[in-house]
């Protein structure tokens, strides 16, 4: 074992159940985009379904189609489309399609005609995030066009939705403004005859901190994987979540070096005494952030230590000091739940000046996933 990411599917099922307990009658969508935030889409989707996730969410249509090819038959929403994407294949596979503008609606209509099937669409309103979604001044026209397509039997408008910009900052003034804008968009659509199955706006931080945003469906992304989306306010444990991924590696070598010896490219770190160094065979090609050079924490030999020198493409170095107990083949834990004193993904995020979302998602394909608790 050079390295592996251990994926605790029991923890994932626990997290989905914990989210369900928080949201009352609202349904739960487990977001499995980006290979389930680096955890493995197919296996995590299956576990989320077992825990009661009524929906799955993907960014790319290819992700949604992969879920269908691997046996998922429940509701799946895909939301990041570009012209020429496989609309017809998605409609044939009963994938729900997000529509933010007239060009997308036109492609959906054309694909629906080609397949002879009615497309399920969710109209997305831009309530202030400024990415995808229809601006308020274009919303009425999009709704009217969608209702005409529905009357023609080409689409069924099953969802109205939006996305927060700052839900991870409770009390941010944009939150109330976006909620009001979404309610206005829903009112416009419903007054014109849309009868959605689901209205949804809450991402993980809103799901956990903003009950008024739950509507009919919440989209649980990072929370599904047990990492706190509001780390400045609450830890995973305080939110009742259990981190799913534990990243480990084996020590590749141990050697002693004299005082003053430089380590890794650029010699940005020199030993301030005679010391022992352990080589860990993971690097930025595996997703270890280079920005965590001389800062990233690990657990090795029963102690928390900090890597030294620059993270290289395939490896990094840990200063062991006078510890002579560590040997090649010993386990190094980069991050995990923290129950055994190991660092967490949030610790790595702080070390690299980023967010825990990026830490887990960036773990590369060279690191095999090992699934625990599979059913």
Protein backbone atom coordinates (compact mmCIF):
# COMPACT_ATOMS: atom_id res chain seq x y z
CA UNK A 1 0.00 0.00 0.00
CA UNK A 2 1.61 3.21 -1.19
CA UNK A 3 -1.41 5.29 -0.29
CA UNK A 4 -5.17 4.98 -0.12
CA UNK A 5 -8.27 6.99 0.64
CA UNK A 6 -10.51 5.05 2.99
CA UNK A 7 -14.16 5.88 2.38
CA UNK A 8 -16.45 5.10 5.31
CA UNK A 9 -19.86 4.49 3.73
CA UNK A 10 -21.44 3.96 7.15
CA UNK A 11 -20.39 7.51 7.99
CA UNK A 12 -21.92 8.76 4.75
CA UNK A 13 -25.21 7.01 5.51
CA UNK A 14 -25.10 8.54 8.99
CA UNK A 15 -24.64 12.03 7.49
CA UNK A 16 -27.55 11.67 5.08
CA UNK A 17 -29.74 10.49 7.95
CA UNK A 18 -28.55 13.43 10.09
CA UNK A 19 -29.50 15.88 7.34
CA UNK A 20 -32.90 14.20 6.92
CA UNK A 21 -33.52 14.61 10.65
CA UNK A 22 -32.88 18.36 10.34
CA UNK A 23 -35.14 19.19 7.43
CA UNK A 24 -38.54 17.86 8.42
CA UNK A 25 -40.74 17.14 5.43
CA UNK A 26 -38.24 18.43 2.87
CA UNK A 27 -36.58 15.82 0.68
CA UNK A 28 -32.80 15.41 0.59
CA UNK A 29 -30.63 15.57 -2.50
CA UNK A 30 -27.15 14.10 -2.06
CA UNK A 31 -24.83 16.02 -4.37
CA UNK A 32 -22.40 13.57 -5.98
CA UNK A 33 -20.74 15.82 -8.55
CA UNK A 34 -16.97 15.76 -9.05
CA UNK A 35 -16.80 12.04 -8.26
CA UNK A 36 -18.74 12.66 -5.04
CA UNK A 37 -16.31 15.37 -3.95
CA UNK A 38 -13.46 12.94 -4.56
CA UNK A 39 -15.02 10.08 -2.61
CA UNK A 40 -16.27 7.95 -5.52
CA UNK A 41 -19.58 8.80 -7.17
CA UNK A 42 -21.15 5.42 -7.81
CA UNK A 43 -20.44 3.93 -4.38
CA UNK A 44 -21.41 7.10 -2.51
CA UNK A 45 -24.59 7.54 -4.54
CA UNK A 46 -25.63 4.01 -3.69
CA UNK A 47 -24.98 4.57 0.03
CA UNK A 48 -26.84 7.89 -0.03
CA UNK A 49 -29.87 6.20 -1.57
CA UNK A 50 -29.73 3.52 1.12
CA UNK A 51 -29.88 6.27 3.75
CA UNK A 52 -32.94 7.87 2.21
CA UNK A 53 -31.68 10.45 -0.27
CA UNK A 54 -34.63 10.90 -2.63
CA UNK A 55 -32.52 12.82 -5.15
CA UNK A 56 -28.97 12.86 -6.46
CA UNK A 57 -27.36 15.97 -7.89
CA UNK A 58 -24.62 16.29 -10.49
CA UNK A 59 -23.04 19.22 -12.22
CA UNK A 60 -22.29 17.53 -15.55
CA UNK A 61 -24.74 15.52 -17.65
CA UNK A 62 -22.03 12.89 -18.17
CA UNK A 63 -22.05 12.33 -14.40
CA UNK A 64 -25.82 11.83 -14.38
CA UNK A 65 -25.61 9.43 -17.31
CA UNK A 66 -22.90 7.44 -15.53
CA UNK A 67 -25.28 7.04 -12.58
CA UNK A 68 -27.90 5.68 -14.93
CA UNK A 69 -25.41 3.31 -16.59
CA UNK A 70 -24.44 1.92 -13.19
CA UNK A 71 -28.00 1.18 -12.15
CA UNK A 72 -29.45 4.21 -10.37
CA UNK A 73 -33.12 4.67 -11.21
CA UNK A 74 -34.18 7.45 -8.82
CA UNK A 75 -34.51 11.16 -9.41
CA UNK A 76 -31.28 12.82 -10.64
CA UNK A 77 -30.81 16.51 -11.42
CA UNK A 78 -27.96 17.78 -13.59
CA UNK A 79 -27.38 21.54 -13.78
CA UNK A 80 -24.27 22.61 -15.69
CA UNK A 81 -25.05 22.46 -19.42
CA UNK A 82 -23.43 23.95 -22.50
CA UNK A 83 -24.71 24.04 -26.08
CA UNK A 84 -24.33 20.67 -27.76
CA UNK A 85 -24.41 18.66 -24.53
CA UNK A 86 -26.24 15.28 -24.62
CA UNK A 87 -29.72 16.64 -23.94
CA UNK A 88 -31.46 13.87 -25.86
CA UNK A 89 -29.54 11.13 -24.08
CA UNK A 90 -30.35 12.72 -20.71
CA UNK A 91 -34.04 12.97 -21.52
CA UNK A 92 -34.10 9.36 -22.66
CA UNK A 93 -32.42 8.39 -19.38
CA UNK A 94 -35.03 10.32 -17.32
CA UNK A 95 -32.48 12.84 -16.00
CA UNK A 96 -33.91 16.15 -14.75
CA UNK A 97 -32.39 19.12 -16.57
CA UNK A 98 -31.74 22.59 -15.17
CA UNK A 99 -32.65 25.45 -17.53
CA UNK A 100 -31.35 28.98 -16.94
CA UNK A 101 -32.04 30.62 -20.29
CA UNK A 102 -33.93 30.44 -23.56
CA UNK A 103 -31.04 28.81 -25.46
CA UNK A 104 -31.10 25.85 -23.10
CA UNK A 105 -34.86 25.56 -23.26
CA UNK A 106 -34.64 25.51 -27.06
CA UNK A 107 -32.10 22.65 -26.93
CA UNK A 108 -34.31 20.74 -24.51
CA UNK A 109 -37.33 21.18 -26.78
CA UNK A 110 -35.40 19.96 -29.81
CA UNK A 111 -34.12 16.94 -27.89
CA UNK A 112 -37.60 16.17 -26.58
CA UNK A 113 -38.96 16.13 -30.13
CA UNK A 114 -36.13 13.86 -31.23
CA UNK A 115 -36.69 11.35 -28.42
CA UNK A 116 -40.47 11.55 -28.33
CA UNK A 117 -40.30 12.01 -24.57
CA UNK A 118 -41.27 14.84 -22.26
CA UNK A 119 -38.27 16.45 -20.56
CA UNK A 120 -38.32 17.17 -16.84
CA UNK A 121 -36.88 20.66 -16.28
CA UNK A 122 -36.02 22.83 -13.30
CA UNK A 123 -36.00 26.56 -14.01
CA UNK A 124 -33.11 28.24 -12.20
CA UNK A 125 -33.33 31.84 -11.01
CA UNK A 126 -30.25 33.98 -10.43
CA UNK A 127 -31.16 35.52 -7.10
CA UNK A 128 -27.77 37.11 -6.56
CA UNK A 129 -24.98 34.55 -6.97
CA UNK A 130 -24.22 35.84 -10.46
CA UNK A 131 -23.28 32.51 -12.02
CA UNK A 132 -25.87 30.33 -13.75
CA UNK A 133 -29.55 31.15 -13.44
CA UNK A 134 -31.95 33.55 -15.11
CA UNK A 135 -31.84 37.22 -14.15
CA UNK A 136 -35.07 38.73 -12.78
CA UNK A 137 -35.61 40.90 -15.87
CA UNK A 138 -35.61 37.77 -18.07
CA UNK A 139 -37.44 35.45 -15.68
CA UNK A 140 -40.99 36.08 -16.86
CA UNK A 141 -40.04 35.41 -20.50
CA UNK A 142 -38.32 32.13 -19.54
CA UNK A 143 -41.32 31.02 -17.50
CA UNK A 144 -43.74 31.82 -20.33
CA UNK A 145 -41.57 29.99 -22.87
CA UNK A 146 -41.33 26.96 -20.59
CA UNK A 147 -45.11 26.93 -20.08
CA UNK A 148 -45.65 27.03 -23.86
CA UNK A 149 -43.26 24.10 -24.25
CA UNK A 150 -45.15 22.33 -21.50
CA UNK A 151 -48.46 22.94 -23.28
CA UNK A 152 -46.86 21.43 -26.39
CA UNK A 153 -45.99 18.30 -24.42
CA UNK A 154 -42.23 18.82 -24.75
CA UNK A 155 -41.35 19.67 -21.16
CA UNK A 156 -42.73 19.42 -17.67
CA UNK A 157 -41.62 22.15 -15.31
CA UNK A 158 -41.01 20.11 -12.17
CA UNK A 159 -38.66 22.40 -10.25
CA UNK A 160 -37.87 26.01 -9.41
CA UNK A 161 -34.52 26.65 -7.81
CA UNK A 162 -31.61 28.93 -6.99
CA UNK A 163 -28.32 28.92 -5.10
CA UNK A 164 -26.85 31.01 -2.28
CA UNK A 165 -23.68 33.06 -2.52
CA UNK A 166 -22.89 33.45 1.19
CA UNK A 167 -24.87 30.84 3.11
CA UNK A 168 -21.64 29.82 4.86
CA UNK A 169 -21.64 33.27 6.50
CA UNK A 170 -24.84 33.29 8.59
CA UNK A 171 -26.17 36.81 8.93
CA UNK A 172 -24.62 38.02 5.68
CA UNK A 173 -27.03 40.61 4.22
CA UNK A 174 -27.16 38.83 0.86
CA UNK A 175 -28.90 35.81 2.40
CA UNK A 176 -32.16 37.58 3.20
CA UNK A 177 -32.05 39.39 -0.13
CA UNK A 178 -31.61 36.13 -2.04
CA UNK A 179 -34.39 34.42 -0.11
CA UNK A 180 -36.75 37.28 -0.94
CA UNK A 181 -35.71 37.23 -4.58
CA UNK A 182 -36.32 33.48 -4.79
CA UNK A 183 -39.75 33.79 -3.22
CA UNK A 184 -40.56 36.50 -5.77
CA UNK A 185 -39.39 34.27 -8.64
CA UNK A 186 -41.47 31.37 -7.36
CA UNK A 187 -44.51 33.63 -7.02
CA UNK A 188 -44.14 34.87 -10.60
CA UNK A 189 -43.85 31.33 -11.93
CA UNK A 190 -46.75 29.96 -9.91
CA UNK A 191 -49.02 32.89 -10.77
CA UNK A 192 -48.47 32.08 -14.43
CA UNK A 193 -49.36 28.45 -13.97
CA UNK A 194 -46.22 26.56 -12.93
CA UNK A 195 -46.98 23.86 -10.35
CA UNK A 196 -43.54 22.59 -9.32
CA UNK A 197 -42.93 19.31 -7.58
CA UNK A 198 -39.99 20.86 -5.75
CA UNK A 199 -38.71 24.33 -4.90
CA UNK A 200 -35.13 24.24 -3.68
CA UNK A 201 -32.41 26.67 -2.67
CA UNK A 202 -30.54 25.30 0.35
CA UNK A 203 -26.99 24.03 -0.07
CA UNK A 204 -25.15 22.39 2.85
CA UNK A 205 -24.57 25.52 4.95
CA UNK A 206 -28.13 26.74 4.44
CA UNK A 207 -29.47 23.27 5.21
CA UNK A 208 -27.64 23.28 8.54
CA UNK A 209 -28.12 26.92 9.59
CA UNK A 210 -31.12 28.39 7.74
CA UNK A 211 -34.35 26.40 8.20
CA UNK A 212 -36.42 28.96 6.28
CA UNK A 213 -34.51 28.02 3.12
CA UNK A 214 -35.48 24.35 3.14
CA UNK A 215 -38.64 24.62 1.00
CA UNK A 216 -39.38 21.19 -0.57
CA UNK A 217 -35.84 19.92 -1.10
CA UNK A 218 -32.35 20.56 0.26
CA UNK A 219 -29.11 19.90 -1.62
CA UNK A 220 -26.57 18.33 0.72
CA UNK A 221 -23.09 18.52 -0.75
CA UNK A 222 -20.17 18.80 1.66
CA UNK A 223 -22.37 17.77 4.60
CA UNK A 224 -22.95 14.40 2.92
CA UNK A 225 -19.23 13.74 3.27
CA UNK A 226 -19.10 14.79 6.91
CA UNK A 227 -17.08 17.98 6.58
CA UNK A 228 -18.42 21.14 8.19
CA UNK A 229 -19.49 23.76 5.63
CA UNK A 230 -19.35 26.41 8.38
CA UNK A 231 -16.04 25.58 10.12
CA UNK A 232 -15.75 29.02 11.72
CA UNK A 233 -18.99 28.35 13.58
CA UNK A 234 -19.31 24.61 14.09
CA UNK A 235 -17.13 21.55 13.76
CA UNK A 236 -18.36 18.44 12.02
CA UNK A 237 -18.98 16.78 15.38
CA UNK A 238 -21.01 19.75 16.63
CA UNK A 239 -23.21 19.43 13.55
CA UNK A 240 -23.66 15.69 14.09
CA UNK A 241 -21.60 14.79 11.01
CA UNK A 242 -18.87 12.19 10.58
CA UNK A 243 -16.05 12.75 8.06
CA UNK A 244 -16.11 10.04 5.41
CA UNK A 245 -12.60 10.13 3.93
CA UNK A 246 -9.36 9.16 5.66
CA UNK A 247 -6.22 9.69 3.57
CA UNK A 248 -3.21 7.53 4.47
CA UNK A 249 0.17 6.61 3.02
CA UNK A 250 3.12 4.40 3.90
CA UNK A 251 6.49 5.81 4.91
CA UNK A 252 8.80 5.24 1.93
CA UNK A 253 12.09 5.84 3.72
CA UNK A 254 13.64 7.17 6.92
CA UNK A 255 17.12 8.67 7.21
CA UNK A 256 19.13 10.94 9.46
CA UNK A 257 20.56 14.21 8.17
CA UNK A 258 22.93 16.70 9.78
CA UNK A 259 22.12 20.18 11.01
CA UNK A 260 21.80 22.62 8.10
CA UNK A 261 20.73 20.01 5.56
CA UNK A 262 18.24 21.38 3.01
CA UNK A 263 15.03 19.58 2.10
CA UNK A 264 13.18 19.41 -1.21
CA UNK A 265 13.18 21.84 -4.13
CA UNK A 266 14.53 25.29 -3.47
CA UNK A 267 15.82 24.36 -0.02
CA UNK A 268 13.08 26.43 1.58
CA UNK A 269 13.65 24.48 4.81
CA UNK A 270 16.92 23.50 6.50
CA UNK A 271 17.31 21.25 9.51
CA UNK A 272 18.04 23.31 12.63
CA UNK A 273 19.63 20.27 14.28
CA UNK A 274 20.63 16.71 13.46
CA UNK A 275 17.32 15.05 12.74
CA UNK A 276 15.49 12.17 11.11
CA UNK A 277 13.38 12.64 7.99
CA UNK A 278 10.57 10.46 6.72
CA UNK A 279 9.63 10.41 3.05
CA UNK A 280 5.90 10.15 2.25
CA UNK A 281 5.02 9.07 -1.32
CA UNK A 282 2.21 11.54 -1.98
CA UNK A 283 2.51 14.89 -3.74
CA UNK A 284 0.61 17.52 -5.61
CA UNK A 285 -0.10 15.06 -8.45
CA UNK A 286 -2.13 13.14 -5.87
CA UNK A 287 -3.88 16.24 -4.59
CA UNK A 288 -1.63 17.24 -1.68
CA UNK A 289 -1.68 21.05 -1.97
CA UNK A 290 1.69 22.63 -2.72
CA UNK A 291 0.46 25.67 -0.79
CA UNK A 292 0.72 23.50 2.34
CA UNK A 293 4.51 23.24 1.98
CA UNK A 294 6.17 23.41 5.43
CA UNK A 295 2.68 23.65 6.93
CA UNK A 296 0.62 20.52 6.26
CA UNK A 297 0.01 18.33 9.33
CA UNK A 298 0.23 14.53 9.52
CA UNK A 299 0.01 11.83 12.16
CA UNK A 300 2.94 9.42 12.12
CA UNK A 301 4.48 7.35 14.89
CA UNK A 302 1.62 8.32 17.18
CA UNK A 303 2.45 12.03 17.02
CA UNK A 304 1.25 15.04 15.04
CA UNK A 305 4.02 16.44 12.87
CA UNK A 306 4.38 19.04 10.14
CA UNK A 307 5.78 18.38 6.69
CA UNK A 308 8.93 20.32 5.85
CA UNK A 309 10.13 21.79 2.60
CA UNK A 310 8.15 22.01 -0.58
CA UNK A 311 5.53 19.48 -1.54
CA UNK A 312 6.78 17.86 -4.76
CA UNK A 313 4.78 16.17 -7.49
CA UNK A 314 5.00 12.71 -5.94
CA UNK A 315 6.30 13.11 -2.39
CA UNK A 316 6.90 15.22 0.67
CA UNK A 317 9.11 15.03 3.75
CA UNK A 318 8.27 14.99 7.46
CA UNK A 319 10.70 15.97 10.22
CA UNK A 320 10.76 13.21 12.87
CA UNK A 321 13.28 14.83 15.18
CA UNK A 322 14.81 12.26 17.49
CA UNK A 323 11.98 9.76 17.12
CA UNK A 324 13.64 6.47 16.16
CA UNK A 325 10.42 4.41 16.22
CA UNK A 326 9.23 5.28 12.70
CA UNK A 327 10.26 2.88 9.96
CA UNK A 328 9.56 2.35 6.25
CA UNK A 329 6.09 0.90 5.80
CA UNK A 330 4.60 2.66 8.82
CA UNK A 331 1.31 4.40 8.26
CA UNK A 332 1.06 8.17 7.85
CA UNK A 333 -2.39 9.71 8.24
CA UNK A 334 -2.80 12.99 6.40
CA UNK A 335 -6.38 13.57 7.46
CA UNK A 336 -9.40 11.76 8.78
CA UNK A 337 -12.22 12.23 11.32
CA UNK A 338 -9.77 13.40 13.99
CA UNK A 339 -10.91 10.79 16.50
CA UNK A 340 -7.42 9.33 16.86
CA UNK A 341 -5.57 12.61 17.02
CA UNK A 342 -5.03 12.76 13.26
CA UNK A 343 -5.48 16.04 11.38
CA UNK A 344 -8.76 16.75 9.61
CA UNK A 345 -9.46 18.05 6.13
CA UNK A 346 -10.19 21.41 7.75
CA UNK A 347 -6.70 21.41 9.31
CA UNK A 348 -5.24 20.94 5.83
CA UNK A 349 -7.49 23.67 4.45
CA UNK A 350 -6.15 26.11 7.01
CA UNK A 351 -2.58 25.06 6.29
CA UNK A 352 -3.06 25.61 2.56
CA UNK A 353 -5.18 28.76 2.79
CA UNK A 354 -8.18 27.14 1.11
CA UNK A 355 -11.43 25.36 2.00
CA UNK A 356 -12.04 21.77 3.00
CA UNK A 357 -14.17 21.25 -0.12
CA UNK A 358 -10.99 21.56 -2.19
CA UNK A 359 -8.91 19.31 0.06
CA UNK A 360 -11.13 16.24 -0.33
CA UNK A 361 -12.16 16.87 -3.93
CA UNK A 362 -8.61 17.25 -5.25
CA UNK A 363 -7.36 13.82 -4.13
CA UNK A 364 -6.33 12.32 -7.46
CA UNK A 365 -6.94 9.08 -9.29
CA UNK A 366 -3.49 7.70 -8.38
CA UNK A 367 -4.83 7.25 -4.86
CA UNK A 368 -7.10 4.18 -4.78
CA UNK A 369 -10.38 4.43 -2.89
CA UNK A 370 -11.04 1.63 -0.43
CA UNK A 371 -14.70 1.39 0.60
CA UNK A 372 -15.65 0.42 4.13
CA UNK A 373 -19.21 -0.51 5.08
CA UNK A 374 -20.36 -1.41 1.57
CA UNK A 375 -23.77 -3.11 1.34
